[in-house]
N, C-alpha and C. Protein backbone atom coordinates (compact mmCIF):
# COMPACT_ATOMS: atom_id res chain seq x y z
N GLU A 1 -6.61 -17.45 9.09
CA GLU A 1 -6.36 -17.43 7.31
C GLU A 1 -5.70 -15.90 7.56
N VAL A 2 -4.56 -15.62 6.80
CA VAL A 2 -4.19 -14.37 6.67
C VAL A 2 -4.76 -13.59 5.31
N GLN A 3 -5.37 -12.41 5.58
CA GLN A 3 -6.05 -11.96 4.63
C GLN A 3 -5.48 -10.30 4.72
N LEU A 4 -5.53 -9.59 3.78
CA LEU A 4 -5.41 -7.98 3.73
C LEU A 4 -6.53 -7.60 2.63
N GLN A 5 -7.20 -6.43 2.88
CA GLN A 5 -8.11 -6.01 1.97
C GLN A 5 -7.74 -4.55 2.04
N ALA A 6 -7.71 -3.96 0.73
CA ALA A 6 -7.38 -2.62 0.64
C ALA A 6 -8.96 -1.73 0.22
N PHE A 7 -8.97 -0.90 0.80
CA PHE A 7 -10.03 -0.05 0.77
C PHE A 7 -9.58 1.55 0.65
N GLY A 8 -10.81 2.40 0.05
CA GLY A 8 -10.32 3.86 0.06
C GLY A 8 -10.24 4.33 -1.36
N GLY A 9 -9.97 3.61 -2.22
CA GLY A 9 -9.89 4.12 -3.68
C GLY A 9 -10.81 5.04 -4.12
N GLY A 10 -10.96 5.45 -5.24
CA GLY A 10 -11.93 6.49 -5.78
C GLY A 10 -11.48 7.38 -6.98
N LEU A 11 -12.21 8.19 -7.44
CA LEU A 11 -12.06 9.23 -8.49
C LEU A 11 -11.59 10.48 -8.21
N VAL A 12 -10.46 11.00 -8.28
CA VAL A 12 -10.21 12.23 -7.84
C VAL A 12 -9.42 12.95 -8.97
N GLN A 13 -9.28 14.42 -8.97
CA GLN A 13 -8.77 15.11 -10.00
C GLN A 13 -7.38 15.38 -9.43
N ALA A 14 -6.47 15.55 -10.61
CA ALA A 14 -5.20 15.75 -10.39
C ALA A 14 -4.85 16.78 -9.20
N GLY A 15 -4.00 16.55 -8.38
CA GLY A 15 -3.68 17.25 -7.31
C GLY A 15 -4.57 17.23 -6.01
N GLY A 16 -5.42 16.18 -6.13
CA GLY A 16 -6.19 15.92 -5.11
C GLY A 16 -5.52 14.78 -4.06
N SER A 17 -6.17 14.30 -3.13
CA SER A 17 -5.55 13.43 -2.07
C SER A 17 -6.66 12.25 -1.92
N LEU A 18 -5.96 11.00 -1.36
CA LEU A 18 -6.77 10.02 -1.05
C LEU A 18 -5.89 9.42 -0.05
N ARG A 19 -6.66 8.63 1.12
CA ARG A 19 -6.12 7.73 1.95
C ARG A 19 -6.43 6.24 1.91
N LEU A 20 -5.86 5.60 1.56
CA LEU A 20 -6.05 4.18 1.48
C LEU A 20 -5.85 3.40 2.66
N SER A 21 -6.69 2.27 2.84
CA SER A 21 -6.75 1.39 4.11
C SER A 21 -6.30 0.18 3.75
N CYS A 22 -5.71 -0.50 4.69
CA CYS A 22 -5.30 -1.93 4.26
C CYS A 22 -5.74 -2.86 5.73
N ALA A 23 -6.77 -3.26 5.83
CA ALA A 23 -7.32 -3.93 6.95
C ALA A 23 -6.77 -5.45 6.78
N ALA A 24 -6.18 -5.89 8.10
CA ALA A 24 -5.48 -7.16 8.07
C ALA A 24 -6.29 -7.95 8.97
N SER A 25 -6.29 -9.32 8.97
CA SER A 25 -6.87 -10.29 9.70
C SER A 25 -5.98 -11.65 9.51
N GLY A 26 -6.20 -12.32 10.84
CA GLY A 26 -5.51 -13.41 10.73
C GLY A 26 -4.00 -13.28 11.13
N PHE A 27 -3.51 -12.08 11.21
CA PHE A 27 -2.23 -11.61 12.00
C PHE A 27 -2.03 -10.39 12.53
N ASN A 28 -1.11 -9.85 13.10
CA ASN A 28 -0.92 -8.49 13.75
C ASN A 28 0.17 -7.86 12.91
N VAL A 29 -0.41 -6.75 12.28
CA VAL A 29 0.59 -6.00 11.23
C VAL A 29 1.75 -5.34 11.83
N ASP A 30 2.02 -5.34 13.16
CA ASP A 30 3.34 -4.95 13.99
C ASP A 30 4.00 -6.07 13.70
N ASP A 31 3.80 -7.24 13.49
CA ASP A 31 4.80 -8.36 13.42
C ASP A 31 5.50 -8.26 12.01
N TYR A 32 4.78 -7.78 10.95
CA TYR A 32 5.34 -8.27 9.52
C TYR A 32 5.46 -6.90 9.05
N ALA A 33 6.49 -6.78 7.80
CA ALA A 33 6.41 -5.69 6.80
C ALA A 33 5.25 -5.94 5.88
N ILE A 34 4.55 -4.78 5.59
CA ILE A 34 3.52 -4.66 4.85
C ILE A 34 3.71 -3.74 3.57
N GLY A 35 3.60 -4.15 2.29
CA GLY A 35 3.85 -3.38 1.17
C GLY A 35 2.38 -2.94 0.75
N TRP A 36 2.29 -1.93 0.09
CA TRP A 36 1.44 -1.26 -1.00
C TRP A 36 1.80 -1.57 -2.45
N PHE A 37 1.07 -2.14 -3.47
CA PHE A 37 1.51 -2.36 -4.79
C PHE A 37 0.18 -1.53 -5.52
N ARG A 38 0.66 -1.43 -6.91
CA ARG A 38 -0.14 -0.92 -7.91
C ARG A 38 -0.06 -1.58 -9.13
N GLN A 39 -1.14 -1.62 -9.96
CA GLN A 39 -1.00 -2.39 -11.33
C GLN A 39 -1.99 -1.60 -12.13
N ALA A 40 -1.38 -0.91 -13.33
CA ALA A 40 -2.14 -0.21 -14.18
C ALA A 40 -2.75 -1.25 -15.37
N PRO A 41 -3.77 -0.96 -16.01
CA PRO A 41 -3.89 -1.84 -17.10
C PRO A 41 -2.90 -2.05 -18.04
N GLY A 42 -2.62 -3.30 -18.35
CA GLY A 42 -1.59 -3.85 -19.28
C GLY A 42 -0.36 -3.91 -18.81
N LYS A 43 0.10 -3.58 -17.50
CA LYS A 43 1.56 -3.46 -16.99
C LYS A 43 1.53 -4.27 -15.76
N GLU A 44 2.65 -4.56 -15.38
CA GLU A 44 3.04 -5.26 -14.41
C GLU A 44 2.70 -4.71 -12.97
N ARG A 45 2.21 -5.44 -11.77
CA ARG A 45 2.38 -4.93 -10.65
C ARG A 45 3.80 -4.64 -9.98
N LYS A 46 3.46 -3.43 -9.43
CA LYS A 46 4.72 -2.99 -8.87
C LYS A 46 4.72 -2.38 -7.51
N VAL A 47 5.75 -2.61 -6.45
CA VAL A 47 5.64 -2.09 -5.31
C VAL A 47 5.61 -0.40 -5.33
N VAL A 48 4.84 0.06 -4.45
CA VAL A 48 4.58 1.33 -4.23
C VAL A 48 5.62 1.78 -2.86
N SER A 49 5.32 1.23 -1.96
CA SER A 49 5.81 1.57 -0.58
C SER A 49 5.71 0.25 0.39
N CYS A 50 6.45 0.23 1.36
CA CYS A 50 6.42 -0.68 2.25
C CYS A 50 7.00 -0.21 3.92
N ILE A 51 6.29 -0.76 4.51
CA ILE A 51 6.90 -0.40 6.05
C ILE A 51 7.29 -1.60 6.96
N SER A 52 8.47 -1.53 7.57
CA SER A 52 8.97 -2.75 8.46
C SER A 52 8.39 -2.85 9.64
N SER A 53 8.22 -3.99 10.19
CA SER A 53 7.97 -4.02 11.52
C SER A 53 8.81 -3.66 12.41
N SER A 54 8.27 -3.13 13.50
CA SER A 54 9.08 -2.83 14.82
C SER A 54 9.87 -1.53 14.50
N ASP A 55 10.81 -1.34 13.66
CA ASP A 55 11.59 -0.10 13.61
C ASP A 55 10.93 0.74 12.45
N ASN A 56 10.14 0.34 11.91
CA ASN A 56 9.04 1.43 11.09
C ASN A 56 9.77 1.98 9.84
N ASN A 57 11.03 1.33 9.44
CA ASN A 57 11.44 1.78 8.27
C ASN A 57 10.64 1.64 7.16
N THR A 58 10.64 2.64 6.18
CA THR A 58 9.78 2.92 5.11
C THR A 58 10.65 2.75 3.81
N TYR A 59 9.92 2.37 2.57
CA TYR A 59 10.34 2.43 1.35
C TYR A 59 9.54 3.12 0.57
N TYR A 60 9.78 3.88 -0.51
CA TYR A 60 8.91 4.46 -1.49
C TYR A 60 9.67 4.26 -2.72
N GLU A 61 8.72 4.11 -3.78
CA GLU A 61 9.26 4.04 -5.39
C GLU A 61 9.50 5.57 -5.43
N ASP A 62 10.30 5.88 -6.40
CA ASP A 62 10.97 7.01 -6.62
C ASP A 62 9.74 8.08 -6.98
N SER A 63 8.84 7.66 -7.77
CA SER A 63 7.76 8.40 -8.49
C SER A 63 6.88 8.88 -7.15
N VAL A 64 6.88 8.34 -6.40
CA VAL A 64 5.83 8.77 -5.26
C VAL A 64 6.44 9.46 -4.11
N LYS A 65 7.82 9.62 -4.01
CA LYS A 65 8.36 9.94 -2.79
C LYS A 65 8.12 11.45 -2.63
N GLY A 66 7.78 11.61 -1.37
CA GLY A 66 7.34 13.33 -1.38
C GLY A 66 5.75 13.50 -1.31
N ARG A 67 4.96 12.42 -1.83
CA ARG A 67 3.75 12.59 -2.20
C ARG A 67 2.80 11.60 -1.25
N PHE A 68 3.50 10.22 -1.28
CA PHE A 68 2.67 9.19 -0.44
C PHE A 68 3.39 9.04 0.90
N THR A 69 2.58 8.47 1.82
CA THR A 69 3.09 8.32 3.19
C THR A 69 2.53 6.94 3.71
N ILE A 70 3.46 6.07 3.89
CA ILE A 70 2.78 4.92 4.45
C ILE A 70 3.00 4.80 6.00
N SER A 71 1.78 4.25 6.83
CA SER A 71 1.66 4.31 8.20
C SER A 71 1.19 2.97 8.87
N ARG A 72 1.22 2.79 10.14
CA ARG A 72 0.57 1.61 10.63
C ARG A 72 -0.17 2.16 11.92
N ASP A 73 -1.27 1.60 12.16
CA ASP A 73 -2.11 1.65 13.44
C ASP A 73 -2.25 0.28 13.89
N ASN A 74 -1.55 -0.06 14.77
CA ASN A 74 -1.32 -1.47 15.44
C ASN A 74 -2.76 -1.87 16.31
N GLY A 75 -3.28 -0.60 16.74
CA GLY A 75 -4.57 -0.98 17.59
C GLY A 75 -5.63 -1.37 16.65
N LYS A 76 -5.63 -0.76 15.65
CA LYS A 76 -6.55 -1.05 14.35
C LYS A 76 -6.51 -2.18 13.44
N ASN A 77 -4.70 -2.58 13.66
CA ASN A 77 -4.36 -3.70 12.64
C ASN A 77 -4.72 -3.14 11.48
N THR A 78 -4.37 -2.12 11.02
CA THR A 78 -4.43 -1.37 9.76
C THR A 78 -3.24 -0.70 9.28
N VAL A 79 -2.96 -0.74 8.19
CA VAL A 79 -1.91 -0.08 7.20
C VAL A 79 -2.60 0.99 6.41
N TYR A 80 -2.06 2.10 6.23
CA TYR A 80 -2.48 3.14 5.63
C TYR A 80 -1.48 3.56 4.59
N LEU A 81 -2.14 4.22 3.29
CA LEU A 81 -1.19 4.91 2.35
C LEU A 81 -1.89 6.13 2.09
N GLN A 82 -1.23 7.15 2.65
CA GLN A 82 -1.77 8.57 2.31
C GLN A 82 -1.33 9.10 1.10
N MET A 83 -1.98 9.46 0.06
CA MET A 83 -1.55 9.71 -1.18
C MET A 83 -2.04 11.29 -1.48
N ASN A 84 -0.94 12.11 -1.57
CA ASN A 84 -0.96 13.65 -1.94
C ASN A 84 -0.69 13.91 -3.48
N ASN A 85 -1.13 14.87 -3.67
CA ASN A 85 -0.68 15.51 -4.91
C ASN A 85 -0.96 14.55 -6.12
N LEU A 86 -1.93 13.92 -6.14
CA LEU A 86 -2.07 12.66 -7.16
C LEU A 86 -2.02 13.10 -8.54
N LYS A 87 -1.56 12.35 -9.27
CA LYS A 87 -1.23 12.71 -10.77
C LYS A 87 -1.85 11.56 -11.62
N PRO A 88 -2.44 11.81 -12.85
CA PRO A 88 -2.98 10.74 -13.77
C PRO A 88 -2.10 9.49 -13.71
N GLU A 89 -0.84 9.62 -13.71
CA GLU A 89 0.05 8.23 -13.68
C GLU A 89 0.00 7.69 -12.59
N ASP A 90 -0.58 7.90 -11.43
CA ASP A 90 -0.94 7.21 -10.28
C ASP A 90 -2.27 6.37 -10.48
N THR A 91 -3.02 6.39 -11.50
CA THR A 91 -4.18 5.70 -11.82
C THR A 91 -3.60 4.28 -11.93
N ALA A 92 -4.42 3.45 -10.93
CA ALA A 92 -4.23 1.89 -10.92
C ALA A 92 -4.97 1.29 -9.94
N VAL A 93 -4.89 0.09 -9.92
CA VAL A 93 -5.47 -0.76 -9.00
C VAL A 93 -4.55 -0.89 -7.85
N TYR A 94 -4.77 -0.76 -6.73
CA TYR A 94 -3.83 -0.59 -5.50
C TYR A 94 -4.28 -1.73 -4.47
N TYR A 95 -3.03 -2.40 -4.22
CA TYR A 95 -3.09 -3.64 -3.43
C TYR A 95 -2.29 -3.82 -1.99
N CYS A 96 -2.68 -4.27 -1.23
CA CYS A 96 -1.69 -4.60 -0.21
C CYS A 96 -1.23 -6.06 0.19
N ALA A 97 -0.12 -6.17 0.85
CA ALA A 97 0.10 -7.81 1.15
C ALA A 97 1.27 -7.94 2.00
N ARG A 98 1.53 -8.95 2.61
CA ARG A 98 2.20 -9.22 4.03
C ARG A 98 3.76 -9.91 3.40
N LYS A 99 4.98 -9.28 3.93
CA LYS A 99 6.09 -10.14 3.71
C LYS A 99 5.91 -11.27 4.83
N GLY A 100 7.00 -12.09 4.50
CA GLY A 100 7.00 -13.23 5.55
C GLY A 100 7.93 -13.11 6.88
N GLY A 101 8.40 -11.93 6.94
CA GLY A 101 9.09 -11.40 8.15
C GLY A 101 8.91 -10.20 8.47
N TYR A 102 9.88 -9.59 9.19
CA TYR A 102 9.75 -8.25 9.68
C TYR A 102 10.06 -7.14 8.78
N TYR A 103 10.94 -7.40 7.89
CA TYR A 103 11.72 -6.44 7.21
C TYR A 103 11.18 -6.00 5.60
N CYS A 104 11.06 -4.80 5.20
CA CYS A 104 11.10 -4.91 3.74
C CYS A 104 12.14 -5.42 2.87
N SER A 105 13.29 -5.34 3.55
CA SER A 105 14.72 -5.80 2.84
C SER A 105 14.69 -6.76 2.65
N GLU A 106 13.98 -7.95 3.27
CA GLU A 106 14.21 -9.31 3.41
C GLU A 106 13.88 -9.83 2.14
N SER A 107 14.87 -10.83 1.77
CA SER A 107 14.36 -11.50 0.54
C SER A 107 12.80 -12.37 0.61
N GLY A 108 12.57 -12.76 -0.36
CA GLY A 108 10.96 -13.30 -0.46
C GLY A 108 9.87 -12.62 -0.92
N GLY A 109 8.89 -13.18 -1.29
CA GLY A 109 7.61 -12.43 -1.64
C GLY A 109 6.71 -12.14 -0.61
N TYR A 110 5.61 -11.75 -1.15
CA TYR A 110 4.46 -11.24 -0.30
C TYR A 110 3.26 -12.29 -0.28
N ALA A 111 2.26 -11.93 0.88
CA ALA A 111 1.37 -13.42 1.01
C ALA A 111 0.18 -12.22 1.29
N GLY A 112 -0.91 -13.09 1.25
CA GLY A 112 -2.29 -12.53 1.59
C GLY A 112 -2.90 -11.56 0.78
N TRP A 113 -2.54 -11.53 -0.45
CA TRP A 113 -3.22 -10.75 -1.38
C TRP A 113 -4.89 -10.79 -1.49
N GLY A 114 -5.49 -9.66 -1.36
CA GLY A 114 -6.84 -9.57 -1.25
C GLY A 114 -7.20 -8.73 -2.58
N GLN A 115 -8.60 -7.93 -2.21
CA GLN A 115 -9.23 -7.42 -3.41
C GLN A 115 -8.39 -6.00 -3.50
N GLY A 116 -7.94 -5.72 -4.72
CA GLY A 116 -7.40 -4.35 -4.57
C GLY A 116 -8.55 -3.16 -4.96
N THR A 117 -8.05 -2.05 -4.70
CA THR A 117 -9.22 -0.95 -4.94
C THR A 117 -8.45 0.05 -5.85
N GLN A 118 -9.65 0.60 -6.46
CA GLN A 118 -9.31 1.36 -7.99
C GLN A 118 -8.93 2.89 -7.43
N VAL A 119 -7.91 3.31 -8.02
CA VAL A 119 -7.45 4.97 -7.70
C VAL A 119 -7.60 5.19 -9.15
N THR A 120 -8.59 6.32 -9.54
CA THR A 120 -8.40 6.99 -10.80
C THR A 120 -8.12 8.40 -10.72
N VAL A 121 -7.20 8.81 -11.40
CA VAL A 121 -6.83 10.33 -11.29
C VAL A 121 -6.89 11.24 -12.77
N SER A 122 -7.89 11.96 -12.73
CA SER A 122 -8.21 12.45 -13.81
C SER A 122 -7.38 13.96 -13.95
N SER A 123 -7.17 14.33 -15.22
CA SER A 123 -6.48 15.65 -15.56
C SER A 123 -7.29 16.64 -15.27
């Protein structure tokens, strides 16, 4: 079974940092593009970042460029999202999920949605 579980959220002050972990099971993260998403209360879920398989090409939403970094540890079968200089508008539930192929740029949706992790950034 394809599963991805996000961990590492918490309450931080503006300007602080968190590292989220996405632990995968049922597949190898080096074979698929993995995306991070977030959803604030009353708003639609949006992609925050994505990392492609093999070439490690990355995508970042404009609002997080220069602050967030996505990475992958194939040995641990885990994808990370390092979040620095956090802002109150980053407050959301964060999720990770898997593309059906190698590349973030490919068409199609994501699968393996698991439990999200709450990130709250105070002023």
